[in-house]
Amino acid sequence: MSRLGPGRSFVLVRGADDGMAHLVGYRLYESGLIGGEGRYLAVCGRTVLAAAMAAEPGRVCRLCRAQLTP
């Protein structure tokens, strides 16, 4: 889990289809885990199907990163 600014916590989730690490809000990540579908809404707006959690994160999605720029 990463904190990028006050009160903002994110989890990096590697997309199974693009191999990119997408930033998912911690609360949305929790909801996704509870739902059990393996799909998470990233800050870039993309719904990410998670790769195996053993996979390395890969490069961070530039659209996710751009959403965090003040």
N, C-alpha and C. Protein backbone atom coordinates (compact mmCIF):
# COMPACT_ATOMS: atom_id res chain seq x y z
N MET A 1 0.86 -1.17 0.00
CA MET A 1 0.00 0.00 0.00
C MET A 1 0.90 1.22 0.00
N SER A 2 0.53 2.23 -0.75
CA SER A 2 1.27 3.49 -0.82
C SER A 2 0.38 4.64 -0.40
N ARG A 3 0.98 5.63 0.20
CA ARG A 3 0.25 6.85 0.54
C ARG A 3 0.83 7.97 -0.33
N LEU A 4 -0.01 8.56 -1.12
CA LEU A 4 0.40 9.65 -2.00
C LEU A 4 -0.40 10.88 -1.64
N GLY A 5 0.05 11.57 -0.64
CA GLY A 5 -0.68 12.74 -0.15
C GLY A 5 -1.50 12.36 1.06
N PRO A 6 -1.92 13.36 1.83
CA PRO A 6 -2.67 13.10 3.05
C PRO A 6 -4.00 12.39 2.79
N GLY A 7 -4.21 11.26 3.48
CA GLY A 7 -5.48 10.56 3.37
C GLY A 7 -5.70 9.79 2.09
N ARG A 8 -4.68 9.70 1.25
CA ARG A 8 -4.83 9.01 -0.03
C ARG A 8 -3.98 7.74 -0.03
N SER A 9 -4.61 6.60 0.03
CA SER A 9 -3.92 5.32 0.04
C SER A 9 -4.28 4.52 -1.20
N PHE A 10 -3.27 3.94 -1.81
CA PHE A 10 -3.46 3.20 -3.04
C PHE A 10 -2.73 1.86 -3.00
N VAL A 11 -3.23 0.93 -3.78
CA VAL A 11 -2.61 -0.37 -3.96
C VAL A 11 -2.27 -0.49 -5.44
N LEU A 12 -1.07 -1.00 -5.74
CA LEU A 12 -0.71 -1.25 -7.13
C LEU A 12 -1.26 -2.60 -7.54
N VAL A 13 -2.04 -2.61 -8.61
CA VAL A 13 -2.62 -3.86 -9.12
C VAL A 13 -2.16 -4.01 -10.56
N ARG A 14 -1.47 -5.11 -10.84
CA ARG A 14 -1.00 -5.36 -12.20
C ARG A 14 -2.13 -5.91 -13.04
N GLY A 15 -2.36 -5.28 -14.18
CA GLY A 15 -3.41 -5.73 -15.08
C GLY A 15 -2.99 -6.99 -15.83
N ALA A 16 -3.86 -7.99 -15.87
CA ALA A 16 -3.56 -9.24 -16.56
C ALA A 16 -3.43 -9.03 -18.06
N ASP A 17 -4.15 -8.05 -18.60
CA ASP A 17 -4.14 -7.86 -20.06
C ASP A 17 -3.06 -6.92 -20.55
N ASP A 18 -2.64 -5.94 -19.73
CA ASP A 18 -1.64 -4.98 -20.22
C ASP A 18 -0.32 -5.01 -19.45
N GLY A 19 -0.26 -5.73 -18.34
CA GLY A 19 0.98 -5.84 -17.57
C GLY A 19 1.38 -4.58 -16.83
N MET A 20 0.56 -3.54 -16.90
CA MET A 20 0.85 -2.27 -16.23
C MET A 20 0.35 -2.32 -14.79
N ALA A 21 1.05 -1.59 -13.93
CA ALA A 21 0.62 -1.46 -12.54
C ALA A 21 -0.34 -0.26 -12.47
N HIS A 22 -1.55 -0.52 -12.05
CA HIS A 22 -2.56 0.52 -11.95
C HIS A 22 -2.79 0.86 -10.48
N LEU A 23 -3.03 2.13 -10.21
CA LEU A 23 -3.31 2.58 -8.85
C LEU A 23 -4.80 2.42 -8.55
N VAL A 24 -5.08 1.67 -7.49
CA VAL A 24 -6.46 1.42 -7.08
C VAL A 24 -6.60 1.96 -5.65
N GLY A 25 -7.60 2.78 -5.42
CA GLY A 25 -7.84 3.28 -4.08
C GLY A 25 -8.02 2.14 -3.10
N TYR A 26 -7.46 2.29 -1.90
CA TYR A 26 -7.47 1.20 -0.94
C TYR A 26 -8.89 0.72 -0.64
N ARG A 27 -9.82 1.63 -0.46
CA ARG A 27 -11.21 1.23 -0.17
C ARG A 27 -11.82 0.45 -1.34
N LEU A 28 -11.55 0.87 -2.56
CA LEU A 28 -12.05 0.14 -3.73
C LEU A 28 -11.38 -1.23 -3.84
N TYR A 29 -10.12 -1.29 -3.45
CA TYR A 29 -9.41 -2.56 -3.46
C TYR A 29 -10.06 -3.53 -2.47
N GLU A 30 -10.36 -3.03 -1.28
CA GLU A 30 -11.04 -3.86 -0.27
C GLU A 30 -12.37 -4.38 -0.80
N SER A 31 -13.14 -3.49 -1.41
CA SER A 31 -14.44 -3.89 -1.97
C SER A 31 -14.28 -4.97 -3.03
N GLY A 32 -13.26 -4.82 -3.87
CA GLY A 32 -12.99 -5.80 -4.90
C GLY A 32 -12.61 -7.15 -4.33
N LEU A 33 -11.84 -7.14 -3.25
CA LEU A 33 -11.47 -8.39 -2.60
C LEU A 33 -12.69 -9.10 -2.03
N ILE A 34 -13.56 -8.32 -1.41
CA ILE A 34 -14.77 -8.89 -0.82
C ILE A 34 -15.67 -9.45 -1.92
N GLY A 35 -15.76 -8.73 -3.05
CA GLY A 35 -16.59 -9.19 -4.17
C GLY A 35 -16.06 -10.45 -4.83
N GLY A 36 -14.74 -10.64 -4.76
CA GLY A 36 -14.13 -11.86 -5.27
C GLY A 36 -14.03 -12.01 -6.77
N GLU A 37 -14.28 -10.94 -7.54
CA GLU A 37 -14.23 -11.04 -9.00
C GLU A 37 -12.83 -10.79 -9.57
N GLY A 38 -11.95 -10.18 -8.79
CA GLY A 38 -10.60 -9.89 -9.28
C GLY A 38 -10.53 -8.70 -10.21
N ARG A 39 -11.57 -7.86 -10.18
CA ARG A 39 -11.60 -6.64 -11.00
C ARG A 39 -11.63 -5.43 -10.09
N TYR A 40 -10.83 -4.44 -10.47
CA TYR A 40 -10.67 -3.26 -9.63
C TYR A 40 -10.73 -2.00 -10.49
N LEU A 41 -11.37 -0.96 -9.99
CA LEU A 41 -11.44 0.31 -10.70
C LEU A 41 -10.21 1.14 -10.34
N ALA A 42 -9.38 1.41 -11.33
CA ALA A 42 -8.16 2.19 -11.14
C ALA A 42 -8.46 3.68 -11.23
N VAL A 43 -7.53 4.50 -10.73
CA VAL A 43 -7.75 5.95 -10.76
C VAL A 43 -7.77 6.50 -12.18
N CYS A 44 -7.25 5.75 -13.16
CA CYS A 44 -7.29 6.20 -14.57
C CYS A 44 -8.66 5.96 -15.19
N GLY A 45 -9.56 5.26 -14.45
CA GLY A 45 -10.89 4.99 -14.96
C GLY A 45 -11.04 3.61 -15.57
N ARG A 46 -9.96 2.90 -15.69
CA ARG A 46 -9.99 1.56 -16.28
C ARG A 46 -10.35 0.51 -15.23
N THR A 47 -11.17 -0.46 -15.62
CA THR A 47 -11.43 -1.60 -14.75
C THR A 47 -10.36 -2.63 -15.06
N VAL A 48 -9.58 -2.96 -14.04
CA VAL A 48 -8.42 -3.81 -14.20
C VAL A 48 -8.72 -5.22 -13.71
N LEU A 49 -8.47 -6.20 -14.57
CA LEU A 49 -8.52 -7.60 -14.16
C LEU A 49 -7.13 -7.91 -13.62
N ALA A 50 -7.05 -8.24 -12.34
CA ALA A 50 -5.76 -8.43 -11.68
C ALA A 50 -5.02 -9.65 -12.19
N ALA A 51 -3.71 -9.47 -12.42
CA ALA A 51 -2.84 -10.59 -12.73
C ALA A 51 -2.59 -11.36 -11.44
N ALA A 52 -1.92 -12.47 -11.53
CA ALA A 52 -1.58 -13.24 -10.33
C ALA A 52 -0.82 -12.34 -9.37
N MET A 53 -1.17 -12.40 -8.11
CA MET A 53 -0.55 -11.51 -7.12
C MET A 53 0.94 -11.79 -6.95
N ALA A 54 1.43 -12.93 -7.44
CA ALA A 54 2.84 -13.24 -7.38
C ALA A 54 3.64 -12.50 -8.46
N ALA A 55 2.93 -11.95 -9.46
CA ALA A 55 3.59 -11.22 -10.55
C ALA A 55 4.11 -9.87 -10.06
N GLU A 56 5.26 -9.48 -10.55
CA GLU A 56 5.81 -8.16 -10.20
C GLU A 56 4.90 -7.08 -10.77
N PRO A 57 4.85 -5.91 -10.11
CA PRO A 57 3.92 -4.87 -10.53
C PRO A 57 4.09 -4.36 -11.96
N GLY A 58 5.29 -4.25 -12.48
CA GLY A 58 5.47 -3.66 -13.80
C GLY A 58 5.48 -2.14 -13.71
N ARG A 59 5.50 -1.48 -14.86
CA ARG A 59 5.52 -0.01 -14.88
C ARG A 59 4.17 0.53 -14.46
N VAL A 60 4.20 1.67 -13.77
CA VAL A 60 2.94 2.30 -13.34
C VAL A 60 2.29 2.96 -14.55
N CYS A 61 1.01 2.74 -14.70
CA CYS A 61 0.21 3.34 -15.77
C CYS A 61 0.38 4.85 -15.75
N ARG A 62 0.71 5.43 -16.90
CA ARG A 62 0.93 6.88 -16.94
C ARG A 62 -0.36 7.66 -16.70
N LEU A 63 -1.50 7.09 -17.09
CA LEU A 63 -2.78 7.77 -16.85
C LEU A 63 -3.12 7.77 -15.36
N CYS A 64 -2.82 6.68 -14.67
CA CYS A 64 -3.03 6.65 -13.21
C CYS A 64 -2.15 7.70 -12.54
N ARG A 65 -0.89 7.72 -12.93
CA ARG A 65 0.06 8.67 -12.35
C ARG A 65 -0.39 10.11 -12.63
N ALA A 66 -0.88 10.37 -13.82
CA ALA A 66 -1.31 11.73 -14.18
C ALA A 66 -2.51 12.19 -13.34
N GLN A 67 -3.35 11.27 -12.92
CA GLN A 67 -4.51 11.63 -12.10
C GLN A 67 -4.10 12.12 -10.71
N LEU A 68 -2.89 11.77 -10.30
CA LEU A 68 -2.40 12.16 -8.96
C LEU A 68 -1.67 13.47 -8.96
N THR A 69 -1.37 14.00 -10.14
CA THR A 69 -0.63 15.26 -10.23
C THR A 69 -1.54 16.41 -9.84
N PRO A 70 -1.09 17.22 -8.86
CA PRO A 70 -1.95 18.35 -8.42
C PRO A 70 -2.13 19.41 -9.48
